[in-house]
N, C-alpha and C. Protein backbone atom coordinates (compact mmCIF):
# COMPACT_ATOMS: atom_id res chain seq x y z
N UNK A 1 -2.77 114.05 3.36
CA UNK A 1 -1.80 114.29 4.40
C UNK A 1 -0.67 113.28 4.25
N UNK A 2 0.54 113.75 4.54
CA UNK A 2 1.73 112.93 4.38
C UNK A 2 2.39 112.75 5.75
N UNK A 3 2.86 111.55 6.04
CA UNK A 3 3.56 111.27 7.30
C UNK A 3 4.91 111.96 7.28
N UNK A 4 5.27 112.66 8.40
CA UNK A 4 6.55 113.34 8.49
C UNK A 4 7.68 112.33 8.61
N UNK A 5 8.69 112.50 7.78
CA UNK A 5 9.86 111.64 7.77
C UNK A 5 11.05 112.48 8.23
N UNK A 6 11.55 112.21 9.42
CA UNK A 6 12.63 113.01 9.99
C UNK A 6 13.89 112.97 9.12
N UNK A 7 14.05 111.91 8.33
CA UNK A 7 15.23 111.84 7.46
C UNK A 7 15.16 112.84 6.31
N UNK A 8 14.01 113.47 6.13
CA UNK A 8 13.90 114.50 5.08
C UNK A 8 14.44 115.85 5.55
N UNK A 9 14.70 115.99 6.87
CA UNK A 9 15.28 117.23 7.39
C UNK A 9 16.74 117.30 6.97
N UNK A 10 17.15 118.45 6.48
CA UNK A 10 18.54 118.63 6.06
C UNK A 10 19.35 119.20 7.22
N UNK A 11 19.88 118.29 8.03
CA UNK A 11 20.75 118.67 9.13
C UNK A 11 22.10 119.09 8.56
N UNK A 12 22.78 120.02 9.24
CA UNK A 12 24.09 120.49 8.74
C UNK A 12 25.17 119.46 9.04
N UNK A 13 26.43 119.81 8.75
CA UNK A 13 27.54 118.88 8.93
C UNK A 13 27.72 118.44 10.37
N UNK A 14 27.23 119.24 11.32
CA UNK A 14 27.31 118.87 12.74
C UNK A 14 26.07 118.09 13.19
N UNK A 15 25.18 117.79 12.24
CA UNK A 15 23.97 117.04 12.57
C UNK A 15 22.90 117.89 13.21
N UNK A 16 22.93 119.22 12.94
CA UNK A 16 22.01 120.15 13.58
C UNK A 16 21.16 120.87 12.54
N UNK A 17 20.00 121.33 13.00
CA UNK A 17 19.12 122.17 12.18
C UNK A 17 18.71 123.35 13.05
N UNK A 18 18.65 124.54 12.47
CA UNK A 18 18.24 125.73 13.23
C UNK A 18 16.74 125.72 13.44
N UNK A 19 16.35 126.26 14.62
CA UNK A 19 14.94 126.31 15.00
C UNK A 19 14.63 127.72 15.49
N UNK A 20 13.65 128.34 14.87
CA UNK A 20 13.17 129.64 15.32
C UNK A 20 11.97 129.38 16.23
N UNK A 21 12.01 129.93 17.44
CA UNK A 21 10.87 129.81 18.35
C UNK A 21 10.06 131.10 18.27
N UNK A 22 8.78 130.96 17.98
CA UNK A 22 7.88 132.10 17.82
C UNK A 22 6.67 131.90 18.72
N UNK A 23 6.26 132.97 19.39
CA UNK A 23 5.08 132.90 20.25
C UNK A 23 3.86 132.62 19.37
N UNK A 24 3.14 131.56 19.66
CA UNK A 24 2.01 131.14 18.83
C UNK A 24 0.86 132.14 18.86
N UNK A 25 0.74 132.89 19.94
CA UNK A 25 -0.35 133.84 20.06
C UNK A 25 0.00 135.22 19.50
N UNK A 26 1.14 135.76 19.90
CA UNK A 26 1.51 137.13 19.49
C UNK A 26 2.31 137.16 18.20
N UNK A 27 2.86 136.02 17.79
CA UNK A 27 3.74 135.86 16.62
C UNK A 27 5.10 136.53 16.80
N UNK A 28 5.42 136.93 18.03
CA UNK A 28 6.73 137.52 18.32
C UNK A 28 7.80 136.44 18.19
N UNK A 29 8.90 136.79 17.49
CA UNK A 29 10.03 135.88 17.39
C UNK A 29 10.78 135.94 18.72
N UNK A 30 10.93 134.79 19.36
CA UNK A 30 11.51 134.74 20.69
C UNK A 30 13.00 134.42 20.70
N UNK A 31 13.41 133.46 19.89
CA UNK A 31 14.80 133.01 19.94
C UNK A 31 15.11 132.10 18.76
N UNK A 32 16.38 131.84 18.59
CA UNK A 32 16.87 130.86 17.63
C UNK A 32 17.73 129.87 18.39
N UNK A 33 17.55 128.60 18.13
CA UNK A 33 18.33 127.56 18.79
C UNK A 33 18.60 126.45 17.76
N UNK A 34 19.14 125.35 18.24
CA UNK A 34 19.51 124.23 17.37
C UNK A 34 18.91 122.94 17.90
N UNK A 35 18.62 122.04 16.99
CA UNK A 35 18.16 120.70 17.33
C UNK A 35 18.96 119.69 16.53
N UNK A 36 19.17 118.53 17.15
CA UNK A 36 19.64 117.38 16.39
C UNK A 36 18.44 116.45 16.21
N UNK A 37 18.64 115.33 15.58
CA UNK A 37 17.51 114.44 15.30
C UNK A 37 16.83 113.97 16.59
N UNK A 38 17.62 113.66 17.61
CA UNK A 38 17.04 113.16 18.86
C UNK A 38 16.25 114.23 19.59
N UNK A 39 16.74 115.47 19.62
CA UNK A 39 15.98 116.52 20.31
C UNK A 39 14.71 116.86 19.54
N UNK A 40 14.75 116.76 18.22
CA UNK A 40 13.54 116.97 17.43
C UNK A 40 12.51 115.88 17.72
N UNK A 41 12.98 114.64 17.76
CA UNK A 41 12.07 113.51 18.08
C UNK A 41 11.45 113.69 19.46
N UNK A 42 12.27 114.08 20.44
CA UNK A 42 11.77 114.26 21.81
C UNK A 42 10.73 115.39 21.86
N UNK A 43 11.03 116.49 21.17
CA UNK A 43 10.10 117.62 21.13
C UNK A 43 8.76 117.19 20.55
N UNK A 44 8.80 116.49 19.44
CA UNK A 44 7.57 116.06 18.78
C UNK A 44 6.80 115.05 19.64
N UNK A 45 7.52 114.21 20.37
CA UNK A 45 6.88 113.18 21.19
C UNK A 45 6.29 113.75 22.48
N UNK A 46 6.96 114.75 23.07
CA UNK A 46 6.54 115.24 24.39
C UNK A 46 5.78 116.56 24.33
N UNK A 47 5.97 117.34 23.26
CA UNK A 47 5.35 118.66 23.17
C UNK A 47 6.09 119.71 23.97
N UNK A 48 7.22 119.36 24.51
CA UNK A 48 8.06 120.31 25.25
C UNK A 48 9.33 120.56 24.46
N UNK A 49 9.65 121.84 24.25
CA UNK A 49 10.80 122.18 23.41
C UNK A 49 12.09 121.67 24.03
N UNK A 50 12.77 120.85 23.25
CA UNK A 50 14.06 120.29 23.64
C UNK A 50 15.04 120.61 22.54
N UNK A 51 16.09 121.33 22.90
CA UNK A 51 17.10 121.76 21.94
C UNK A 51 18.40 121.01 22.19
N UNK A 52 19.38 121.26 21.30
CA UNK A 52 20.72 120.74 21.50
C UNK A 52 21.62 121.93 21.81
N UNK A 53 22.27 121.89 22.97
CA UNK A 53 23.19 122.95 23.36
C UNK A 53 24.55 122.69 22.74
N UNK A 54 24.95 123.58 21.85
CA UNK A 54 26.26 123.42 21.21
C UNK A 54 27.39 123.64 22.20
N UNK A 55 27.21 124.56 23.15
CA UNK A 55 28.28 124.84 24.11
C UNK A 55 28.45 123.72 25.12
N UNK A 56 27.35 123.14 25.58
CA UNK A 56 27.41 122.06 26.58
C UNK A 56 27.47 120.67 25.93
N UNK A 57 27.18 120.61 24.62
CA UNK A 57 27.11 119.32 23.93
C UNK A 57 26.15 118.38 24.65
N UNK A 58 24.95 118.92 24.93
CA UNK A 58 23.95 118.14 25.66
C UNK A 58 22.55 118.65 25.32
N UNK A 59 21.55 117.83 25.65
CA UNK A 59 20.17 118.26 25.46
C UNK A 59 19.87 119.44 26.37
N UNK A 60 19.05 120.33 25.87
CA UNK A 60 18.64 121.52 26.62
C UNK A 60 17.13 121.56 26.57
N UNK A 61 16.51 121.14 27.65
CA UNK A 61 15.06 121.15 27.75
C UNK A 61 14.65 122.53 28.27
N UNK A 62 14.09 123.33 27.38
CA UNK A 62 13.81 124.73 27.69
C UNK A 62 13.00 124.85 28.97
N UNK A 63 13.53 125.62 29.92
CA UNK A 63 12.85 125.84 31.18
C UNK A 63 13.19 124.85 32.27
N UNK A 64 14.06 123.89 31.98
CA UNK A 64 14.39 122.85 32.95
C UNK A 64 14.95 123.43 34.25
N UNK A 65 15.79 124.46 34.15
CA UNK A 65 16.32 125.06 35.37
C UNK A 65 15.64 126.39 35.71
N UNK A 66 15.18 127.12 34.69
CA UNK A 66 14.60 128.45 34.92
C UNK A 66 13.09 128.43 35.17
N UNK A 67 12.43 127.38 34.71
CA UNK A 67 10.97 127.34 34.78
C UNK A 67 10.31 128.05 33.61
N UNK A 68 11.10 128.60 32.71
CA UNK A 68 10.58 129.33 31.54
C UNK A 68 10.38 128.35 30.38
N UNK A 69 9.40 127.52 30.55
CA UNK A 69 9.12 126.40 29.64
C UNK A 69 8.50 126.89 28.33
N UNK A 70 8.85 126.20 27.26
CA UNK A 70 8.19 126.40 25.97
C UNK A 70 7.43 125.13 25.62
N UNK A 71 6.12 125.27 25.42
CA UNK A 71 5.30 124.14 24.99
C UNK A 71 5.04 124.28 23.50
N UNK A 72 5.23 123.21 22.78
CA UNK A 72 5.04 123.21 21.33
C UNK A 72 3.56 123.27 20.98
N UNK A 73 3.20 124.23 20.15
CA UNK A 73 1.84 124.34 19.62
C UNK A 73 1.80 123.79 18.20
N UNK A 74 2.81 124.15 17.40
CA UNK A 74 2.86 123.72 16.01
C UNK A 74 4.32 123.75 15.55
N UNK A 75 4.76 122.72 14.84
CA UNK A 75 6.11 122.68 14.28
C UNK A 75 6.00 122.78 12.77
N UNK A 76 6.79 123.67 12.20
CA UNK A 76 6.79 123.85 10.75
C UNK A 76 8.20 123.70 10.21
N UNK A 77 8.30 123.29 8.96
CA UNK A 77 9.59 123.14 8.29
C UNK A 77 9.57 124.00 7.04
N UNK A 78 10.69 124.64 6.74
CA UNK A 78 10.72 125.52 5.57
C UNK A 78 10.82 124.73 4.27
N UNK A 79 10.69 125.44 3.17
CA UNK A 79 10.62 124.80 1.85
C UNK A 79 11.90 124.04 1.48
N UNK A 80 13.05 124.48 2.01
CA UNK A 80 14.31 123.78 1.74
C UNK A 80 14.57 122.66 2.73
N UNK A 81 13.72 122.57 3.75
CA UNK A 81 13.78 121.53 4.78
C UNK A 81 15.07 121.63 5.61
N UNK A 82 15.60 122.87 5.74
CA UNK A 82 16.82 123.06 6.52
C UNK A 82 16.66 124.05 7.66
N UNK A 83 15.42 124.37 8.00
CA UNK A 83 15.14 125.27 9.12
C UNK A 83 13.74 124.94 9.64
N UNK A 84 13.60 124.97 10.97
CA UNK A 84 12.31 124.71 11.60
C UNK A 84 11.76 125.97 12.24
N UNK A 85 10.46 126.06 12.29
CA UNK A 85 9.76 127.12 13.00
C UNK A 85 8.87 126.46 14.03
N UNK A 86 9.17 126.74 15.30
CA UNK A 86 8.37 126.18 16.39
C UNK A 86 7.44 127.26 16.92
N UNK A 87 6.15 127.05 16.76
CA UNK A 87 5.15 127.95 17.34
C UNK A 87 4.94 127.44 18.76
N UNK A 88 5.22 128.31 19.75
CA UNK A 88 5.25 127.85 21.13
C UNK A 88 4.38 128.70 22.05
N UNK A 89 4.07 128.11 23.18
CA UNK A 89 3.51 128.84 24.31
C UNK A 89 4.68 129.04 25.26
N UNK A 90 5.09 130.29 25.45
CA UNK A 90 6.24 130.62 26.29
C UNK A 90 5.79 131.03 27.67
N UNK A 91 6.33 130.39 28.69
CA UNK A 91 6.09 130.79 30.08
C UNK A 91 7.29 131.61 30.53
N UNK A 92 7.05 132.89 30.87
CA UNK A 92 8.15 133.77 31.30
C UNK A 92 9.02 134.18 30.13
N UNK A 93 10.19 134.74 30.43
CA UNK A 93 11.09 135.19 29.36
C UNK A 93 11.69 134.02 28.59
N UNK A 94 11.97 134.25 27.32
CA UNK A 94 12.61 133.22 26.50
C UNK A 94 14.13 133.33 26.56
N UNK A 95 14.63 134.54 26.76
CA UNK A 95 16.07 134.80 26.69
C UNK A 95 16.75 134.58 28.04
N UNK A 96 17.97 134.10 28.01
CA UNK A 96 18.72 133.89 29.25
C UNK A 96 19.07 135.22 29.94
N UNK A 97 18.88 136.35 29.25
CA UNK A 97 19.10 137.66 29.86
C UNK A 97 17.87 138.14 30.62
N UNK A 98 16.85 137.28 30.69
CA UNK A 98 15.59 137.55 31.38
C UNK A 98 14.69 138.51 30.59
N UNK A 99 14.89 138.58 29.27
CA UNK A 99 14.02 139.37 28.40
C UNK A 99 13.05 138.43 27.70
N UNK A 100 11.96 138.96 27.27
CA UNK A 100 10.93 138.17 26.57
C UNK A 100 11.51 137.51 25.32
N UNK A 101 12.31 138.25 24.56
CA UNK A 101 12.88 137.76 23.30
C UNK A 101 14.39 137.98 23.30
N UNK A 102 15.11 137.13 22.60
CA UNK A 102 16.55 137.32 22.43
C UNK A 102 16.85 138.46 21.46
N UNK A 103 15.86 138.88 20.70
CA UNK A 103 16.05 139.91 19.68
C UNK A 103 15.67 141.28 20.22
N UNK A 104 16.42 141.75 21.21
CA UNK A 104 16.12 143.03 21.86
C UNK A 104 17.08 144.14 21.44
N UNK A 105 17.99 143.86 20.51
CA UNK A 105 18.92 144.88 20.04
C UNK A 105 18.70 145.14 18.57
N UNK A 106 18.39 146.40 18.24
CA UNK A 106 18.23 146.81 16.84
C UNK A 106 19.53 147.46 16.38
N UNK A 107 19.80 147.37 15.11
CA UNK A 107 20.94 148.06 14.51
C UNK A 107 20.35 149.13 13.60
N UNK A 108 20.50 150.38 14.01
CA UNK A 108 19.90 151.50 13.30
C UNK A 108 20.94 152.58 13.04
N UNK A 109 21.09 152.93 11.77
CA UNK A 109 22.08 153.94 11.36
C UNK A 109 23.46 153.62 11.92
N UNK A 110 23.81 152.33 11.90
CA UNK A 110 25.12 151.90 12.35
C UNK A 110 25.30 151.83 13.85
N UNK A 111 24.23 152.05 14.61
CA UNK A 111 24.32 152.00 16.07
C UNK A 111 23.37 150.95 16.64
N UNK A 112 23.78 150.39 17.77
CA UNK A 112 22.93 149.43 18.46
C UNK A 112 21.98 150.16 19.40
N UNK A 113 20.70 149.76 19.33
CA UNK A 113 19.67 150.35 20.17
C UNK A 113 18.97 149.22 20.92
N UNK A 114 18.99 149.29 22.26
CA UNK A 114 18.32 148.28 23.06
C UNK A 114 16.83 148.58 23.08
N UNK A 115 16.02 147.58 22.74
CA UNK A 115 14.57 147.78 22.57
C UNK A 115 13.76 147.44 23.80
N UNK A 116 14.20 146.50 24.63
CA UNK A 116 13.38 146.10 25.76
C UNK A 116 14.24 145.86 26.98
N UNK A 117 13.63 145.98 28.11
CA UNK A 117 14.30 145.76 29.39
C UNK A 117 13.98 144.35 29.88
N UNK A 118 14.80 143.83 30.79
CA UNK A 118 14.51 142.52 31.38
C UNK A 118 13.14 142.53 32.07
N UNK A 119 12.50 141.34 32.06
CA UNK A 119 11.17 141.21 32.67
C UNK A 119 11.25 141.15 34.18
N UNK A 120 12.29 140.52 34.71
CA UNK A 120 12.34 140.26 36.14
C UNK A 120 13.10 141.30 36.86
């Protein structure tokens, strides 16, 4: 076993790395977000998903205002070390539209098809 070295993560020019959140039980892809080094450290230390909000330029602790918390089950890094996969336990919807997943729109034969309705 090798100790994880956060400096091995290839953050982009803005100091961010993309993170895919996936339900650890169902394997459903829930969302994509961004982390900087500090939010990654906080997530690993606390077990609570903490992202970096590009629009607010601030930490975004998932569920802080909505109660739709993501608890980290397992964190994985891809072979190029430039993308993370967070296996999470999701409480409530993951998407700000109140849907389980942010990926509720399919593109089929050039048309958009909505796949799921809001949970609430």
